[in-house]
Amino acid sequence: MRDHATILREAGIEKVQRATSVESVNTVRAWFQRGRIPDEHWKAFADARLASLKELATAVAKQAA
């Protein structure tokens, strides 16, 4: 199972920005720096087939443990 940093790295900044409709590339870059995808954008990742909701949630749970 991939973590958020891996999901972001594999998708790339441009694809993430398009999928989430986030206007500022700096916002997306901040996600890369933190290695964390904000949960309000998980559905967009799933819709774009960048990651499944289960994968995103499992990654957060593993980080918290």
PDB file of N, CA and C in Angstrom:
ATOM      1  N   MET A   1       0.844  -1.183   0.000  1.00  0.00           N
ATOM      2  CA  MET A   1       0.000   0.000   0.000  1.00  0.00           C
ATOM      3  C   MET A   1       0.889   1.245   0.000  1.00  0.00           C
ATOM      4  N   ARG A   2       0.582   2.171  -0.879  1.00  0.00           N
ATOM      5  CA  ARG A   2       1.374   3.402  -1.011  1.00  0.00           C
ATOM      6  C   ARG A   2       0.995   4.422   0.069  1.00  0.00           C
ATOM      7  N   ASP A   3       1.961   5.227   0.455  1.00  0.00           N
ATOM      8  CA  ASP A   3       1.661   6.337   1.364  1.00  0.00           C
ATOM      9  C   ASP A   3       1.341   7.568   0.521  1.00  0.00           C
ATOM     10  N   HIS A   4       0.913   8.635   1.170  1.00  0.00           N
ATOM     11  CA  HIS A   4       0.512   9.841   0.448  1.00  0.00           C
ATOM     12  C   HIS A   4       1.671  10.425  -0.348  1.00  0.00           C
ATOM     13  N   ALA A   5       2.868  10.409   0.209  1.00  0.00           N
ATOM     14  CA  ALA A   5       4.026  10.963  -0.493  1.00  0.00           C
ATOM     15  C   ALA A   5       4.267  10.215  -1.807  1.00  0.00           C
ATOM     16  N   THR A   6       4.123   8.909  -1.780  1.00  0.00           N
ATOM     17  CA  THR A   6       4.322   8.101  -2.985  1.00  0.00           C
ATOM     18  C   THR A   6       3.230   8.377  -4.006  1.00  0.00           C
ATOM     19  N   ILE A   7       1.993   8.476  -3.551  1.00  0.00           N
ATOM     20  CA  ILE A   7       0.872   8.782  -4.448  1.00  0.00           C
ATOM     21  C   ILE A   7       1.101  10.116  -5.135  1.00  0.00           C
ATOM     22  N   LEU A   8       1.492  11.116  -4.373  1.00  0.00           N
ATOM     23  CA  LEU A   8       1.761  12.442  -4.937  1.00  0.00           C
ATOM     24  C   LEU A   8       2.916  12.403  -5.928  1.00  0.00           C
ATOM     25  N   ARG A   9       3.989  11.740  -5.544  1.00  0.00           N
ATOM     26  CA  ARG A   9       5.171  11.661  -6.402  1.00  0.00           C
ATOM     27  C   ARG A   9       4.845  10.955  -7.725  1.00  0.00           C
ATOM     28  N   GLU A  10       4.100   9.865  -7.657  1.00  0.00           N
ATOM     29  CA  GLU A  10       3.757   9.121  -8.862  1.00  0.00           C
ATOM     30  C   GLU A  10       2.825   9.912  -9.784  1.00  0.00           C
ATOM     31  N   ALA A  11       1.932  10.699  -9.218  1.00  0.00           N
ATOM     32  CA  ALA A  11       0.985  11.476 -10.025  1.00  0.00           C
ATOM     33  C   ALA A  11       1.642  12.722 -10.617  1.00  0.00           C
ATOM     34  N   GLY A  12       2.464  13.387  -9.840  1.00  0.00           N
ATOM     35  CA  GLY A  12       3.101  14.627 -10.299  1.00  0.00           C
ATOM     36  C   GLY A  12       2.236  15.841 -10.017  1.00  0.00           C
ATOM     37  N   ILE A  13       2.879  16.975  -9.915  1.00  0.00           N
ATOM     38  CA  ILE A  13       2.213  18.221  -9.529  1.00  0.00           C
ATOM     39  C   ILE A  13       1.091  18.589 -10.498  1.00  0.00           C
ATOM     40  N   GLU A  14       1.360  18.552 -11.786  1.00  0.00           N
ATOM     41  CA  GLU A  14       0.361  18.992 -12.765  1.00  0.00           C
ATOM     42  C   GLU A  14      -0.893  18.122 -12.737  1.00  0.00           C
ATOM     43  N   LYS A  15      -0.713  16.810 -12.658  1.00  0.00           N
ATOM     44  CA  LYS A  15      -1.861  15.911 -12.649  1.00  0.00           C
ATOM     45  C   LYS A  15      -2.687  16.091 -11.368  1.00  0.00           C
ATOM     46  N   VAL A  16      -2.002  16.281 -10.254  1.00  0.00           N
ATOM     47  CA  VAL A  16      -2.700  16.518  -8.982  1.00  0.00           C
ATOM     48  C   VAL A  16      -3.480  17.822  -9.045  1.00  0.00           C
ATOM     49  N   GLN A  17      -2.863  18.851  -9.573  1.00  0.00           N
ATOM     50  CA  GLN A  17      -3.539  20.146  -9.660  1.00  0.00           C
ATOM     51  C   GLN A  17      -4.783  20.052 -10.544  1.00  0.00           C
ATOM     52  N   ARG A  18      -4.680  19.368 -11.681  1.00  0.00           N
ATOM     53  CA  ARG A  18      -5.837  19.191 -12.570  1.00  0.00           C
ATOM     54  C   ARG A  18      -6.936  18.386 -11.886  1.00  0.00           C
ATOM     55  N   ALA A  19      -6.554  17.307 -11.219  1.00  0.00           N
ATOM     56  CA  ALA A  19      -7.532  16.416 -10.597  1.00  0.00           C
ATOM     57  C   ALA A  19      -8.306  17.100  -9.477  1.00  0.00           C
ATOM     58  N   THR A  20      -7.619  17.957  -8.736  1.00  0.00           N
ATOM     59  CA  THR A  20      -8.239  18.581  -7.566  1.00  0.00           C
ATOM     60  C   THR A  20      -8.809  19.959  -7.853  1.00  0.00           C
ATOM     61  N   SER A  21      -8.499  20.512  -8.999  1.00  0.00           N
ATOM     62  CA  SER A  21      -8.940  21.864  -9.375  1.00  0.00           C
ATOM     63  C   SER A  21      -8.432  22.935  -8.411  1.00  0.00           C
ATOM     64  N   VAL A  22      -7.311  22.651  -7.762  1.00  0.00           N
ATOM     65  CA  VAL A  22      -6.684  23.632  -6.878  1.00  0.00           C
ATOM     66  C   VAL A  22      -6.005  24.667  -7.771  1.00  0.00           C
ATOM     67  N   GLU A  23      -6.316  25.933  -7.543  1.00  0.00           N
ATOM     68  CA  GLU A  23      -5.804  26.992  -8.415  1.00  0.00           C
ATOM     69  C   GLU A  23      -4.317  27.267  -8.210  1.00  0.00           C
ATOM     70  N   SER A  24      -3.858  27.201  -7.001  1.00  0.00           N
ATOM     71  CA  SER A  24      -2.473  27.560  -6.709  1.00  0.00           C
ATOM     72  C   SER A  24      -1.562  26.327  -6.725  1.00  0.00           C
ATOM     73  N   VAL A  25      -0.556  26.387  -7.570  1.00  0.00           N
ATOM     74  CA  VAL A  25       0.429  25.310  -7.601  1.00  0.00           C
ATOM     75  C   VAL A  25       1.197  25.261  -6.278  1.00  0.00           C
ATOM     76  N   ASN A  26       1.269  26.391  -5.589  1.00  0.00           N
ATOM     77  CA  ASN A  26       1.955  26.420  -4.289  1.00  0.00           C
ATOM     78  C   ASN A  26       1.231  25.571  -3.252  1.00  0.00           C
ATOM     79  N   THR A  27      -0.080  25.514  -3.346  1.00  0.00           N
ATOM     80  CA  THR A  27      -0.849  24.655  -2.438  1.00  0.00           C
ATOM     81  C   THR A  27      -0.479  23.203  -2.660  1.00  0.00           C
ATOM     82  N   VAL A  28      -0.440  22.808  -3.917  1.00  0.00           N
ATOM     83  CA  VAL A  28      -0.088  21.420  -4.247  1.00  0.00           C
ATOM     84  C   VAL A  28       1.355  21.130  -3.836  1.00  0.00           C
ATOM     85  N   ARG A  29       2.240  22.078  -4.054  1.00  0.00           N
ATOM     86  CA  ARG A  29       3.635  21.888  -3.633  1.00  0.00           C
ATOM     87  C   ARG A  29       3.745  21.691  -2.122  1.00  0.00           C
ATOM     88  N   ALA A  30       2.900  22.378  -1.368  1.00  0.00           N
ATOM     89  CA  ALA A  30       2.897  22.215   0.093  1.00  0.00           C
ATOM     90  C   ALA A  30       2.492  20.791   0.473  1.00  0.00           C
ATOM     91  N   TRP A  31       1.546  20.214  -0.262  1.00  0.00           N
ATOM     92  CA  TRP A  31       1.162  18.818   0.000  1.00  0.00           C
ATOM     93  C   TRP A  31       2.357  17.897  -0.226  1.00  0.00           C
ATOM     94  N   PHE A  32       3.116  18.160  -1.300  1.00  0.00           N
ATOM     95  CA  PHE A  32       4.303  17.368  -1.586  1.00  0.00           C
ATOM     96  C   PHE A  32       5.304  17.493  -0.446  1.00  0.00           C
ATOM     97  N   GLN A  33       5.517  18.713   0.045  1.00  0.00           N
ATOM     98  CA  GLN A  33       6.474  18.932   1.127  1.00  0.00           C
ATOM     99  C   GLN A  33       6.053  18.213   2.402  1.00  0.00           C
ATOM    100  N   ARG A  34       4.747  18.229   2.691  1.00  0.00           N
ATOM    101  CA  ARG A  34       4.242  17.560   3.891  1.00  0.00           C
ATOM    102  C   ARG A  34       4.074  16.061   3.691  1.00  0.00           C
ATOM    103  N   GLY A  35       3.959  15.637   2.433  1.00  0.00           N
ATOM    104  CA  GLY A  35       3.719  14.217   2.156  1.00  0.00           C
ATOM    105  C   GLY A  35       2.335  13.791   2.603  1.00  0.00           C
ATOM    106  N   ARG A  36       1.394  14.713   2.512  1.00  0.00           N
ATOM    107  CA  ARG A  36       0.037  14.447   3.014  1.00  0.00           C
ATOM    108  C   ARG A  36      -0.984  15.113   2.109  1.00  0.00           C
ATOM    109  N   ILE A  37      -2.018  14.347   1.773  1.00  0.00           N
ATOM    110  CA  ILE A  37      -3.112  14.846   0.939  1.00  0.00           C
ATOM    111  C   ILE A  37      -4.274  15.207   1.862  1.00  0.00           C
ATOM    112  N   PRO A  38      -4.727  16.450   1.855  1.00  0.00           N
ATOM    113  CA  PRO A  38      -5.850  16.839   2.710  1.00  0.00           C
ATOM    114  C   PRO A  38      -7.098  15.999   2.382  1.00  0.00           C
ATOM    115  N   ASP A  39      -7.788  15.568   3.418  1.00  0.00           N
ATOM    116  CA  ASP A  39      -8.916  14.643   3.211  1.00  0.00           C
ATOM    117  C   ASP A  39     -10.043  15.223   2.364  1.00  0.00           C
ATOM    118  N   GLU A  40     -10.175  16.537   2.304  1.00  0.00           N
ATOM    119  CA  GLU A  40     -11.234  17.115   1.471  1.00  0.00           C
ATOM    120  C   GLU A  40     -10.953  16.941  -0.021  1.00  0.00           C
ATOM    121  N   HIS A  41      -9.741  16.477  -0.365  1.00  0.00           N
ATOM    122  CA  HIS A  41      -9.389  16.251  -1.773  1.00  0.00           C
ATOM    123  C   HIS A  41      -9.310  14.764  -2.132  1.00  0.00           C
ATOM    124  N   TRP A  42      -9.580  13.889  -1.186  1.00  0.00           N
ATOM    125  CA  TRP A  42      -9.495  12.460  -1.450  1.00  0.00           C
ATOM    126  C   TRP A  42     -10.442  12.011  -2.553  1.00  0.00           C
ATOM    127  N   LYS A  43     -11.661  12.524  -2.562  1.00  0.00           N
ATOM    128  CA  LYS A  43     -12.624  12.121  -3.584  1.00  0.00           C
ATOM    129  C   LYS A  43     -12.116  12.473  -4.971  1.00  0.00           C
ATOM    130  N   ALA A  44     -11.492  13.632  -5.115  1.00  0.00           N
ATOM    131  CA  ALA A  44     -10.943  14.034  -6.405  1.00  0.00           C
ATOM    132  C   ALA A  44      -9.831  13.073  -6.836  1.00  0.00           C
ATOM    133  N   PHE A  45      -9.010  12.632  -5.898  1.00  0.00           N
ATOM    134  CA  PHE A  45      -7.963  11.657  -6.207  1.00  0.00           C
ATOM    135  C   PHE A  45      -8.579  10.344  -6.659  1.00  0.00           C
ATOM    136  N   ALA A  46      -9.617   9.918  -5.971  1.00  0.00           N
ATOM    137  CA  ALA A  46     -10.290   8.674  -6.342  1.00  0.00           C
ATOM    138  C   ALA A  46     -10.971   8.807  -7.700  1.00  0.00           C
ATOM    139  N   ASP A  47     -11.658   9.918  -7.933  1.00  0.00           N
ATOM    140  CA  ASP A  47     -12.340  10.147  -9.210  1.00  0.00           C
ATOM    141  C   ASP A  47     -11.361  10.163 -10.379  1.00  0.00           C
ATOM    142  N   ALA A  48     -10.156  10.696 -10.153  1.00  0.00           N
ATOM    143  CA  ALA A  48      -9.130  10.758 -11.188  1.00  0.00           C
ATOM    144  C   ALA A  48      -8.316   9.462 -11.269  1.00  0.00           C
ATOM    145  N   ARG A  49      -8.663   8.520 -10.416  1.00  0.00           N
ATOM    146  CA  ARG A  49      -7.979   7.215 -10.361  1.00  0.00           C
ATOM    147  C   ARG A  49      -6.488   7.341 -10.036  1.00  0.00           C
ATOM    148  N   LEU A  50      -6.189   8.314  -9.208  1.00  0.00           N
ATOM    149  CA  LEU A  50      -4.820   8.481  -8.733  1.00  0.00           C
ATOM    150  C   LEU A  50      -4.575   7.625  -7.496  1.00  0.00           C
ATOM    151  N   ALA A  51      -5.649   7.351  -6.758  1.00  0.00           N
ATOM    152  CA  ALA A  51      -5.596   6.509  -5.559  1.00  0.00           C
ATOM    153  C   ALA A  51      -7.031   6.188  -5.158  1.00  0.00           C
ATOM    154  N   SER A  52      -7.200   5.093  -4.457  1.00  0.00           N
ATOM    155  CA  SER A  52      -8.535   4.761  -3.959  1.00  0.00           C
ATOM    156  C   SER A  52      -8.746   5.410  -2.595  1.00  0.00           C
ATOM    157  N   LEU A  53     -10.004   5.580  -2.234  1.00  0.00           N
ATOM    158  CA  LEU A  53     -10.306   6.144  -0.904  1.00  0.00           C
ATOM    159  C   LEU A  53      -9.737   5.245   0.190  1.00  0.00           C
ATOM    160  N   LYS A  54      -9.829   3.947  -0.012  1.00  0.00           N
ATOM    161  CA  LYS A  54      -9.299   3.002   0.977  1.00  0.00           C
ATOM    162  C   LYS A  54      -7.783   3.170   1.127  1.00  0.00           C
ATOM    163  N   GLU A  55      -7.110   3.316   0.004  1.00  0.00           N
ATOM    164  CA  GLU A  55      -5.657   3.492   0.044  1.00  0.00           C
ATOM    165  C   GLU A  55      -5.274   4.776   0.787  1.00  0.00           C
ATOM    166  N   LEU A  56      -5.986   5.855   0.516  1.00  0.00           N
ATOM    167  CA  LEU A  56      -5.709   7.127   1.179  1.00  0.00           C
ATOM    168  C   LEU A  56      -5.952   7.024   2.688  1.00  0.00           C
ATOM    169  N   ALA A  57      -7.063   6.413   3.068  1.00  0.00           N
ATOM    170  CA  ALA A  57      -7.393   6.274   4.493  1.00  0.00           C
ATOM    171  C   ALA A  57      -6.412   5.344   5.206  1.00  0.00           C
ATOM    172  N   THR A  58      -6.040   4.261   4.562  1.00  0.00           N
ATOM    173  CA  THR A  58      -5.088   3.305   5.167  1.00  0.00           C
ATOM    174  C   THR A  58      -3.742   3.970   5.391  1.00  0.00           C
ATOM    175  N   ALA A  59      -3.315   4.785   4.448  1.00  0.00           N
ATOM    176  CA  ALA A  59      -2.038   5.482   4.591  1.00  0.00           C
ATOM    177  C   ALA A  59      -2.032   6.400   5.810  1.00  0.00           C
ATOM    178  N   VAL A  60      -3.141   7.101   6.036  1.00  0.00           N
ATOM    179  CA  VAL A  60      -3.231   7.992   7.201  1.00  0.00           C
ATOM    180  C   VAL A  60      -3.243   7.177   8.490  1.00  0.00           C
ATOM    181  N   ALA A  61      -3.978   6.074   8.493  1.00  0.00           N
ATOM    182  CA  ALA A  61      -4.050   5.235   9.686  1.00  0.00           C
ATOM    183  C   ALA A  61      -2.679   4.671  10.045  1.00  0.00           C
ATOM    184  N   LYS A  62      -1.916   4.273   9.047  1.00  0.00           N
ATOM    185  CA  LYS A  62      -0.570   3.741   9.305  1.00  0.00           C
ATOM    186  C   LYS A  62       0.346   4.820   9.846  1.00  0.00           C
ATOM    187  N   GLN A  63       0.198   6.041   9.340  1.00  0.00           N
ATOM    188  CA  GLN A  63       1.006   7.159   9.831  1.00  0.00           C
ATOM    189  C   GLN A  63       0.702   7.453  11.292  1.00  0.00           C
ATOM    190  N   ALA A  64      -0.565   7.354  11.656  1.00  0.00           N
ATOM    191  CA  ALA A  64      -0.990   7.675  13.024  1.00  0.00           C
ATOM    192  C   ALA A  64      -0.547   6.610  14.023  1.00  0.00           C
ATOM    193  N   ALA A  65      -0.373   5.397  13.549  1.00  0.00           N
ATOM    194  CA  ALA A  65      -0.028   4.280  14.450  1.00  0.00           C
ATOM    195  C   ALA A  65       1.410   4.320  14.912  1.00  0.00           C
TER     196      ALA A  65
END
